[in-house]
Amino acid sequence: QVQLVESGGGLVPAGGSLTLDCAATGRDYIEGMGWYRQAPGNQRQPVSWISRVGRTNYEDFVKGRFVITRDNGDNDKNTVQLLLNNLKPEDTATYYCYSERYGSTYWGKGTLVTVSS
């Protein structure tokens, strides 16, 4: 079982930046890590993903604005960060961290990002 704890959400004006952090508890080997988001009334959608060796993927609506990074920490610590730049009101959502391990996906509880216009 992998437990994920997110932090870093908050209220930011349009055009601003925010950094989201996600830390996996324990010393488990984790494969991919990434972020989804869910706006009120909408389905959860993928945002970005990073492999254990640093290969990344971004959805088109965040390319050039968001940056995902990861620290594997030799199994002592698995963390993933999402830097959100040039935020838009439509980026308002709850952002969920997830991790992949041996065919299973684990989710954090989410952190709310609100972008004011």
Protein backbone atom coordinates (compact mmCIF):
# COMPACT_ATOMS: atom_id res chain seq x y z
CA GLN A 1 0.00 0.00 0.00
CA VAL A 2 1.29 3.44 -0.94
CA GLN A 3 0.02 6.52 0.82
CA LEU A 4 0.35 9.89 -0.87
CA VAL A 5 0.15 13.28 0.79
CA GLU A 6 -0.29 16.42 -1.31
CA SER A 7 0.37 19.99 -0.33
CA GLY A 8 0.74 23.39 -1.93
CA GLY A 9 -2.71 24.24 -3.16
CA GLY A 10 -4.29 27.62 -2.57
CA LEU A 11 -5.71 30.78 -4.06
CA VAL A 12 -3.67 32.56 -6.73
CA PRO A 13 -4.49 35.32 -9.23
CA ALA A 14 -4.57 34.64 -12.93
CA GLY A 15 -1.06 34.69 -14.36
CA GLY A 16 0.44 33.59 -11.07
CA SER A 17 2.35 30.47 -10.11
CA LEU A 18 1.97 27.70 -7.59
CA THR A 19 3.92 24.58 -6.68
CA LEU A 20 2.20 21.37 -5.68
CA ASP A 21 4.09 18.71 -3.75
CA CYS A 22 3.28 15.07 -3.26
CA ALA A 23 5.16 12.72 -0.99
CA ALA A 24 4.76 8.98 -0.85
CA THR A 25 5.11 7.55 2.63
CA GLY A 26 7.22 4.52 3.25
CA ARG A 27 10.15 3.12 1.32
CA ASP A 28 8.25 1.44 -1.49
CA TYR A 29 9.53 1.12 -4.99
CA ILE A 30 7.29 3.30 -7.16
CA GLU A 31 7.12 3.40 -10.92
CA GLY A 32 5.23 6.29 -12.54
CA MET A 33 3.92 9.28 -10.61
CA GLY A 34 1.75 12.11 -11.76
CA TRP A 35 -1.19 14.42 -11.37
CA TYR A 36 -4.83 14.48 -12.34
CA ARG A 37 -7.30 17.26 -11.70
CA GLN A 38 -11.03 17.57 -11.31
CA ALA A 39 -12.98 20.79 -11.65
CA PRO A 40 -16.45 21.07 -10.11
CA GLY A 41 -18.99 19.28 -12.27
CA ASN A 42 -16.33 17.76 -14.49
CA GLN A 43 -14.65 14.39 -14.73
CA ARG A 44 -11.16 13.82 -13.41
CA GLN A 45 -8.62 14.41 -16.18
CA PRO A 46 -4.91 13.68 -16.48
CA VAL A 47 -2.50 16.59 -16.26
CA SER A 48 1.04 15.28 -16.25
CA TRP A 49 3.09 12.15 -15.60
CA ILE A 50 6.71 11.31 -14.93
CA SER A 51 8.41 7.94 -15.05
CA ARG A 52 10.91 6.70 -12.53
CA VAL A 53 13.74 7.63 -14.90
CA GLY A 54 12.38 11.08 -15.61
CA ARG A 55 10.47 10.69 -18.84
CA THR A 56 7.55 13.14 -18.79
CA ASN A 57 4.19 13.64 -20.43
CA TYR A 58 1.92 16.68 -20.39
CA GLU A 59 -1.62 17.20 -21.56
CA ASP A 60 -1.89 19.84 -24.27
CA PHE A 61 -3.71 22.33 -22.07
CA VAL A 62 -0.71 22.59 -19.69
CA LYS A 63 2.21 22.22 -22.08
CA GLY A 64 4.59 25.13 -21.75
CA ARG A 65 3.01 26.22 -18.45
CA PHE A 66 3.38 23.32 -16.00
CA VAL A 67 6.57 21.45 -15.10
CA ILE A 68 6.70 18.08 -13.36
CA THR A 69 9.74 16.87 -11.47
CA ARG A 70 10.49 13.91 -9.25
CA ASP A 71 12.86 12.79 -6.54
CA ASN A 72 13.25 9.05 -6.20
CA GLY A 73 15.59 9.35 -3.27
CA ASP A 74 16.95 5.82 -3.55
CA ASN A 75 13.67 4.46 -2.20
CA ASP A 76 13.95 6.55 0.95
CA LYS A 77 11.59 9.12 -0.38
CA ASN A 78 9.40 9.36 -3.44
CA THR A 79 8.20 12.86 -4.16
CA VAL A 80 6.74 14.53 -7.19
CA GLN A 81 6.28 18.23 -7.73
CA LEU A 82 4.13 20.10 -10.18
CA LEU A 83 5.07 23.70 -10.90
CA LEU A 84 2.07 25.59 -12.24
CA ASN A 85 2.94 28.74 -14.15
CA ASN A 86 0.79 31.30 -15.92
CA LEU A 87 -2.31 29.99 -14.22
CA LYS A 88 -5.72 30.59 -15.74
CA PRO A 89 -9.15 30.58 -14.10
CA GLU A 90 -9.92 27.37 -15.98
CA ASP A 91 -7.08 25.68 -14.08
CA THR A 92 -9.22 25.88 -10.96
CA ALA A 93 -9.64 22.33 -9.73
CA THR A 94 -8.71 19.82 -7.10
CA TYR A 95 -5.37 18.31 -8.08
CA TYR A 96 -4.75 14.67 -7.22
CA CYS A 97 -1.37 13.01 -7.03
CA TYR A 98 -1.11 9.36 -8.03
CA SER A 99 1.52 6.68 -8.17
CA GLU A 100 1.87 3.38 -9.97
CA ARG A 101 3.36 0.30 -8.37
CA TYR A 102 3.29 -3.23 -9.73
CA GLY A 103 0.10 -2.70 -11.70
CA SER A 104 -1.78 -0.81 -8.99
CA THR A 105 -2.59 2.89 -8.84
CA TYR A 106 -2.67 4.82 -5.59
CA TRP A 107 -4.23 8.24 -5.06
CA GLY A 108 -3.81 11.14 -2.74
CA LYS A 109 -6.77 12.99 -1.27
CA GLY A 110 -6.24 16.05 -3.43
CA THR A 111 -5.31 19.68 -2.98
CA LEU A 112 -7.47 22.55 -4.15
CA VAL A 113 -6.12 25.16 -6.56
CA THR A 114 -8.27 28.24 -7.11
CA VAL A 115 -7.30 30.80 -9.75
CA SER A 116 -9.04 34.16 -9.53
CA SER A 117 -9.68 36.24 -12.62
